[in-house]
Amino acid sequence: MGIKAIFIDRDGVLNEMVYDSNHGIFDSPFNPEQVKIKAGAIELVRGAKELGYKIIIITNQPGIAKGTLTFPNLEKINKKIIESIGTEFIDDIFICPHHPKGLLDIDSNYITDCDCRKPKPGMILQAATKYNIDLTKSWMIGDGITDIQAGSAGGCKTILVANLKIEHLQMFKEYNIVPDIIAPTLNEALIKIRRDNIKF
């Protein structure tokens, strides 16, 4: 019997996105000073851990391929996020540093259409193999359609953390996928997981 896990997207779920004034968009933090843990993130992780789930962060970090993020800064950011939540509550973190369109002077190994970048389920499958995870008893939690696609493709149940908008309905139709649960907050996501956990 495999163990159960919670796969959690990092940016926008565990930590706040930050405004990138150079590009006029909200993006992942580029240095640890920008890290701010989202409301409910600590409670979600620790609550799920108490239910017996292995907690694994699953995150695309295309800034490596695009030259906007360095591995030393990425490691510092991850360290701050994990320490803020509690190192004993996070079992692992899987990172995709790839992007099909990167900078010419970046290592070409990172400029690729890989198997791990969400919406593909590569990171989830890697974790499942490493930890003998039963994906049918596991969840993928994210704030974007790619998280839901990755979780579904990996065989997990899925939770979209968002206030449902017409754009979401359009994306569900466009990509022919609907999350198992839509939760407006991380606290609500934990409530849903606790209810579902009673079945097992």
C-alpha atoms as a PDB file:
ATOM      1  CA  MET A   1       0.000   0.000   0.000  1.00  0.00           C
ATOM      2  CA  GLY A   2       1.414   3.383  -1.019  1.00  0.00           C
ATOM      3  CA  ILE A   3       1.300   6.379   1.242  1.00  0.00           C
ATOM      4  CA  LYS A   4      -0.828   9.447   0.597  1.00  0.00           C
ATOM      5  CA  ALA A   5       0.545  12.872  -0.238  1.00  0.00           C
ATOM      6  CA  ILE A   6      -0.427  16.477  -0.695  1.00  0.00           C
ATOM      7  CA  PHE A   7       1.322  18.049  -3.672  1.00  0.00           C
ATOM      8  CA  ILE A   8       1.266  21.833  -3.338  1.00  0.00           C
ATOM      9  CA  ASP A   9       2.106  24.524  -5.852  1.00  0.00           C
ATOM     10  CA  ARG A  10       4.504  27.079  -4.387  1.00  0.00           C
ATOM     11  CA  ASP A  11       3.953  30.574  -5.777  1.00  0.00           C
ATOM     12  CA  GLY A  12       0.479  31.937  -5.235  1.00  0.00           C
ATOM     13  CA  VAL A  13      -0.427  29.113  -2.847  1.00  0.00           C
ATOM     14  CA  LEU A  14       2.248  28.922  -0.164  1.00  0.00           C
ATOM     15  CA  ASN A  15       3.718  32.373  -0.781  1.00  0.00           C
ATOM     16  CA  GLU A  16       2.458  35.597  -2.260  1.00  0.00           C
ATOM     17  CA  MET A  17       3.294  36.567  -5.820  1.00  0.00           C
ATOM     18  CA  VAL A  18       5.359  39.747  -6.168  1.00  0.00           C
ATOM     19  CA  TYR A  19       4.979  42.609  -8.626  1.00  0.00           C
ATOM     20  CA  ASP A  20       7.649  42.689 -11.331  1.00  0.00           C
ATOM     21  CA  SER A  21       7.832  46.335 -12.362  1.00  0.00           C
ATOM     22  CA  ASN A  22      10.139  45.514 -15.290  1.00  0.00           C
ATOM     23  CA  HIS A  23       7.474  43.442 -17.002  1.00  0.00           C
ATOM     24  CA  GLY A  24       4.335  44.814 -15.359  1.00  0.00           C
ATOM     25  CA  ILE A  25       3.201  41.423 -14.035  1.00  0.00           C
ATOM     26  CA  PHE A  26       2.956  39.483 -10.799  1.00  0.00           C
ATOM     27  CA  ASP A  27       5.597  36.776 -10.663  1.00  0.00           C
ATOM     28  CA  SER A  28       7.517  34.476  -8.343  1.00  0.00           C
ATOM     29  CA  PRO A  29       9.857  36.123  -5.829  1.00  0.00           C
ATOM     30  CA  PHE A  30      13.383  36.672  -7.167  1.00  0.00           C
ATOM     31  CA  ASN A  31      15.086  36.871  -3.780  1.00  0.00           C
ATOM     32  CA  PRO A  32      14.288  35.695  -0.231  1.00  0.00           C
ATOM     33  CA  GLU A  33      13.522  39.234   0.967  1.00  0.00           C
ATOM     34  CA  GLN A  34      10.410  39.172  -1.235  1.00  0.00           C
ATOM     35  CA  VAL A  35       8.980  36.026   0.366  1.00  0.00           C
ATOM     36  CA  LYS A  36       5.681  36.487   2.187  1.00  0.00           C
ATOM     37  CA  ILE A  37       3.758  33.412   3.312  1.00  0.00           C
ATOM     38  CA  LYS A  38       0.103  33.392   2.293  1.00  0.00           C
ATOM     39  CA  ALA A  39      -2.669  33.444   4.870  1.00  0.00           C
ATOM     40  CA  GLY A  40      -3.696  29.898   5.736  1.00  0.00           C
ATOM     41  CA  ALA A  41      -0.593  28.247   4.220  1.00  0.00           C
ATOM     42  CA  ILE A  42       0.933  27.217   7.540  1.00  0.00           C
ATOM     43  CA  GLU A  43      -2.395  25.883   8.810  1.00  0.00           C
ATOM     44  CA  LEU A  44      -2.973  23.938   5.574  1.00  0.00           C
ATOM     45  CA  VAL A  45       0.423  22.253   5.584  1.00  0.00           C
ATOM     46  CA  ARG A  46       0.469  21.435   9.277  1.00  0.00           C
ATOM     47  CA  GLY A  47      -3.166  20.325   9.266  1.00  0.00           C
ATOM     48  CA  ALA A  48      -2.599  17.989   6.319  1.00  0.00           C
ATOM     49  CA  LYS A  49       0.531  16.617   7.972  1.00  0.00           C
ATOM     50  CA  GLU A  50      -1.512  15.757  11.065  1.00  0.00           C
ATOM     51  CA  LEU A  51      -3.819  13.740   8.804  1.00  0.00           C
ATOM     52  CA  GLY A  52      -0.894  11.592   7.717  1.00  0.00           C
ATOM     53  CA  TYR A  53      -0.143  13.137   4.336  1.00  0.00           C
ATOM     54  CA  LYS A  54       3.378  13.533   3.013  1.00  0.00           C
ATOM     55  CA  ILE A  55       3.795  17.196   2.016  1.00  0.00           C
ATOM     56  CA  ILE A  56       5.578  17.814  -1.279  1.00  0.00           C
ATOM     57  CA  ILE A  57       5.986  21.165  -3.023  1.00  0.00           C
ATOM     58  CA  ILE A  58       5.710  21.020  -6.825  1.00  0.00           C
ATOM     59  CA  THR A  59       6.885  24.179  -8.577  1.00  0.00           C
ATOM     60  CA  ASN A  60       7.727  25.462 -12.050  1.00  0.00           C
ATOM     61  CA  GLN A  61      10.652  27.891 -11.897  1.00  0.00           C
ATOM     62  CA  PRO A  62      11.186  29.028 -15.502  1.00  0.00           C
ATOM     63  CA  GLY A  63      13.189  32.032 -14.285  1.00  0.00           C
ATOM     64  CA  ILE A  64      16.241  29.753 -14.410  1.00  0.00           C
ATOM     65  CA  ALA A  65      15.842  29.230 -18.171  1.00  0.00           C
ATOM     66  CA  LYS A  66      14.866  32.861 -18.694  1.00  0.00           C
ATOM     67  CA  GLY A  67      17.843  34.234 -16.787  1.00  0.00           C
ATOM     68  CA  THR A  68      15.744  36.122 -14.220  1.00  0.00           C
ATOM     69  CA  LEU A  69      16.512  33.741 -11.349  1.00  0.00           C
ATOM     70  CA  THR A  70      19.700  32.058 -10.167  1.00  0.00           C
ATOM     71  CA  PHE A  71      19.976  28.697  -8.458  1.00  0.00           C
ATOM     72  CA  PRO A  72      21.552  30.229  -5.317  1.00  0.00           C
ATOM     73  CA  ASN A  73      18.611  32.635  -4.974  1.00  0.00           C
ATOM     74  CA  LEU A  74      16.141  29.839  -5.708  1.00  0.00           C
ATOM     75  CA  GLU A  75      17.658  27.757  -2.929  1.00  0.00           C
ATOM     76  CA  LYS A  76      17.488  30.710  -0.516  1.00  0.00           C
ATOM     77  CA  ILE A  77      13.843  31.387  -1.433  1.00  0.00           C
ATOM     78  CA  ASN A  78      12.877  27.740  -0.957  1.00  0.00           C
ATOM     79  CA  LYS A  79      14.743  27.637   2.342  1.00  0.00           C
ATOM     80  CA  LYS A  80      12.902  30.692   3.644  1.00  0.00           C
ATOM     81  CA  ILE A  81       9.498  29.355   2.587  1.00  0.00           C
ATOM     82  CA  ILE A  82      10.129  25.943   4.133  1.00  0.00           C
ATOM     83  CA  GLU A  83      11.551  27.368   7.358  1.00  0.00           C
ATOM     84  CA  SER A  84       8.625  29.805   7.641  1.00  0.00           C
ATOM     85  CA  ILE A  85       6.156  26.922   7.446  1.00  0.00           C
ATOM     86  CA  GLY A  86       8.284  24.521   9.494  1.00  0.00           C
ATOM     87  CA  THR A  87      10.998  22.263   8.094  1.00  0.00           C
ATOM     88  CA  GLU A  88       9.539  19.251   9.883  1.00  0.00           C
ATOM     89  CA  PHE A  89       6.283  19.654   7.946  1.00  0.00           C
ATOM     90  CA  ILE A  90       7.706  19.740   4.406  1.00  0.00           C
ATOM     91  CA  ASP A  91       8.942  16.376   3.119  1.00  0.00           C
ATOM     92  CA  ASP A  92      10.376  17.441  -0.231  1.00  0.00           C
ATOM     93  CA  ILE A  93      10.313  19.974  -3.022  1.00  0.00           C
ATOM     94  CA  PHE A  94      10.435  19.184  -6.735  1.00  0.00           C
ATOM     95  CA  ILE A  95      11.472  21.945  -9.107  1.00  0.00           C
ATOM     96  CA  CYS A  96      11.204  22.319 -12.866  1.00  0.00           C
ATOM     97  CA  PRO A  97      13.826  24.879 -14.020  1.00  0.00           C
ATOM     98  CA  HIS A  98      12.967  24.454 -17.702  1.00  0.00           C
ATOM     99  CA  HIS A  99      11.154  26.544 -20.272  1.00  0.00           C
ATOM    100  CA  PRO A 100      10.898  25.996 -24.033  1.00  0.00           C
ATOM    101  CA  LYS A 101      11.785  29.655 -24.653  1.00  0.00           C
ATOM    102  CA  GLY A 102      14.794  30.796 -22.670  1.00  0.00           C
ATOM    103  CA  LEU A 103      17.759  33.058 -23.248  1.00  0.00           C
ATOM    104  CA  LEU A 104      20.412  32.110 -25.790  1.00  0.00           C
ATOM    105  CA  ASP A 105      23.232  32.478 -23.277  1.00  0.00           C
ATOM    106  CA  ILE A 106      21.548  30.172 -20.729  1.00  0.00           C
ATOM    107  CA  ASP A 107      22.558  26.514 -20.455  1.00  0.00           C
ATOM    108  CA  SER A 108      20.640  24.806 -23.271  1.00  0.00           C
ATOM    109  CA  ASN A 109      19.727  21.956 -20.893  1.00  0.00           C
ATOM    110  CA  TYR A 110      17.207  24.315 -19.323  1.00  0.00           C
ATOM    111  CA  ILE A 111      15.717  25.517 -22.607  1.00  0.00           C
ATOM    112  CA  THR A 112      13.613  22.520 -23.465  1.00  0.00           C
ATOM    113  CA  ASP A 113      10.085  21.164 -23.676  1.00  0.00           C
ATOM    114  CA  CYS A 114      10.602  18.859 -20.697  1.00  0.00           C
ATOM    115  CA  ASP A 115       8.424  16.207 -19.103  1.00  0.00           C
ATOM    116  CA  CYS A 116       8.388  17.844 -15.664  1.00  0.00           C
ATOM    117  CA  ARG A 117       6.994  21.321 -16.355  1.00  0.00           C
ATOM    118  CA  LYS A 118       3.358  21.613 -15.310  1.00  0.00           C
ATOM    119  CA  PRO A 119       0.828  20.985 -16.852  1.00  0.00           C
ATOM    120  CA  LYS A 120       2.742  17.745 -17.393  1.00  0.00           C
ATOM    121  CA  PRO A 121       2.763  15.438 -14.348  1.00  0.00           C
ATOM    122  CA  GLY A 122       6.491  14.640 -14.354  1.00  0.00           C
ATOM    123  CA  MET A 123       7.317  16.055 -10.916  1.00  0.00           C
ATOM    124  CA  ILE A 124       4.333  14.291  -9.359  1.00  0.00           C
ATOM    125  CA  LEU A 125       5.322  10.980 -10.929  1.00  0.00           C
ATOM    126  CA  GLN A 126       8.926  11.403  -9.802  1.00  0.00           C
ATOM    127  CA  ALA A 127       7.762  11.992  -6.235  1.00  0.00           C
ATOM    128  CA  ALA A 128       5.366   9.048  -6.395  1.00  0.00           C
ATOM    129  CA  THR A 129       8.201   6.741  -7.426  1.00  0.00           C
ATOM    130  CA  LYS A 130      10.603   8.119  -4.821  1.00  0.00           C
ATOM    131  CA  TYR A 131       8.185   7.821  -1.901  1.00  0.00           C
ATOM    132  CA  ASN A 132       5.856   4.978  -3.005  1.00  0.00           C
ATOM    133  CA  ILE A 133       2.885   7.337  -3.085  1.00  0.00           C
ATOM    134  CA  ASP A 134      -0.635   6.147  -3.825  1.00  0.00           C
ATOM    135  CA  LEU A 135      -1.744   8.888  -6.210  1.00  0.00           C
ATOM    136  CA  THR A 136      -5.422   7.903  -5.988  1.00  0.00           C
ATOM    137  CA  LYS A 137      -5.359   8.926  -2.301  1.00  0.00           C
ATOM    138  CA  SER A 138      -3.375  12.086  -2.929  1.00  0.00           C
ATOM    139  CA  TRP A 139      -4.174  15.697  -3.773  1.00  0.00           C
ATOM    140  CA  MET A 140      -2.676  18.361  -6.013  1.00  0.00           C
ATOM    141  CA  ILE A 141      -3.425  21.844  -4.710  1.00  0.00           C
ATOM    142  CA  GLY A 142      -2.828  24.889  -6.886  1.00  0.00           C
ATOM    143  CA  ASP A 143      -4.108  28.261  -7.962  1.00  0.00           C
ATOM    144  CA  GLY A 144      -3.854  27.737 -11.723  1.00  0.00           C
ATOM    145  CA  ILE A 145      -5.239  25.489 -14.441  1.00  0.00           C
ATOM    146  CA  THR A 146      -1.782  23.983 -15.057  1.00  0.00           C
ATOM    147  CA  ASP A 147      -1.745  22.683 -11.472  1.00  0.00           C
ATOM    148  CA  ILE A 148      -5.092  21.004 -12.022  1.00  0.00           C
ATOM    149  CA  GLN A 149      -3.969  19.543 -15.343  1.00  0.00           C
ATOM    150  CA  ALA A 150      -0.795  18.152 -13.789  1.00  0.00           C
ATOM    151  CA  GLY A 151      -2.624  16.666 -10.828  1.00  0.00           C
ATOM    152  CA  SER A 152      -5.298  15.088 -12.985  1.00  0.00           C
ATOM    153  CA  ALA A 153      -2.754  13.684 -15.442  1.00  0.00           C
ATOM    154  CA  GLY A 154      -0.839  12.228 -12.501  1.00  0.00           C
ATOM    155  CA  GLY A 155      -3.921  10.500 -11.129  1.00  0.00           C
ATOM    156  CA  CYS A 156      -4.490  12.782  -8.121  1.00  0.00           C
ATOM    157  CA  LYS A 157      -7.577  14.472  -6.839  1.00  0.00           C
ATOM    158  CA  THR A 158      -7.316  18.215  -7.363  1.00  0.00           C
ATOM    159  CA  ILE A 159      -8.147  21.420  -5.525  1.00  0.00           C
ATOM    160  CA  LEU A 160      -8.167  24.813  -7.226  1.00  0.00           C
ATOM    161  CA  VAL A 161      -7.696  27.562  -4.646  1.00  0.00           C
ATOM    162  CA  ALA A 162      -9.510  30.512  -6.197  1.00  0.00           C
ATOM    163  CA  ASN A 163     -12.644  32.574  -6.141  1.00  0.00           C
ATOM    164  CA  LEU A 164     -14.502  31.106  -9.106  1.00  0.00           C
ATOM    165  CA  LYS A 165     -14.714  33.551 -12.022  1.00  0.00           C
ATOM    166  CA  ILE A 166     -16.038  33.345 -15.545  1.00  0.00           C
ATOM    167  CA  GLU A 167     -12.434  33.011 -16.779  1.00  0.00           C
ATOM    168  CA  HIS A 168     -12.104  29.767 -14.846  1.00  0.00           C
ATOM    169  CA  LEU A 169     -15.231  28.349 -16.448  1.00  0.00           C
ATOM    170  CA  GLN A 170     -13.855  29.280 -19.840  1.00  0.00           C
ATOM    171  CA  MET A 171     -10.567  27.544 -19.071  1.00  0.00           C
ATOM    172  CA  PHE A 172     -12.360  24.436 -17.787  1.00  0.00           C
ATOM    173  CA  LYS A 173     -14.178  24.248 -21.111  1.00  0.00           C
ATOM    174  CA  GLU A 174     -11.104  25.071 -23.207  1.00  0.00           C
ATOM    175  CA  TYR A 175      -8.909  22.447 -21.539  1.00  0.00           C
ATOM    176  CA  ASN A 176     -11.723  19.978 -20.867  1.00  0.00           C
ATOM    177  CA  ILE A 177     -10.836  19.663 -17.207  1.00  0.00           C
ATOM    178  CA  VAL A 178     -12.538  20.568 -13.936  1.00  0.00           C
ATOM    179  CA  PRO A 179     -10.946  20.427 -10.459  1.00  0.00           C
ATOM    180  CA  ASP A 180     -12.486  18.017  -7.974  1.00  0.00           C
ATOM    181  CA  ILE A 181     -12.851  20.876  -5.504  1.00  0.00           C
ATOM    182  CA  ILE A 182     -12.798  24.649  -5.822  1.00  0.00           C
ATOM    183  CA  ALA A 183     -11.881  26.323  -2.537  1.00  0.00           C
ATOM    184  CA  PRO A 184     -11.884  30.113  -2.109  1.00  0.00           C
ATOM    185  CA  THR A 185      -9.219  29.935   0.636  1.00  0.00           C
ATOM    186  CA  LEU A 186      -6.524  27.591   1.906  1.00  0.00           C
ATOM    187  CA  ASN A 187      -8.494  27.142   5.116  1.00  0.00           C
ATOM    188  CA  GLU A 188     -11.462  25.909   3.098  1.00  0.00           C
ATOM    189  CA  ALA A 189      -9.168  23.556   1.173  1.00  0.00           C
ATOM    190  CA  LEU A 190      -8.036  22.006   4.471  1.00  0.00           C
ATOM    191  CA  ILE A 191     -11.656  21.560   5.578  1.00  0.00           C
ATOM    192  CA  LYS A 192     -12.399  19.689   2.334  1.00  0.00           C
ATOM    193  CA  ILE A 193      -9.345  17.471   2.743  1.00  0.00           C
ATOM    194  CA  ARG A 194     -10.316  16.630   6.321  1.00  0.00           C
ATOM    195  CA  ARG A 195     -13.810  15.648   5.195  1.00  0.00           C
ATOM    196  CA  ASP A 196     -12.466  13.497   2.382  1.00  0.00           C
ATOM    197  CA  ASN A 197      -9.899  11.897   4.680  1.00  0.00           C
ATOM    198  CA  ILE A 198     -12.684  10.351   6.748  1.00  0.00           C
ATOM    199  CA  LYS A 199     -13.430   8.019   3.795  1.00  0.00           C
ATOM    200  CA  PHE A 200     -10.082   6.252   4.096  1.00  0.00           C
END
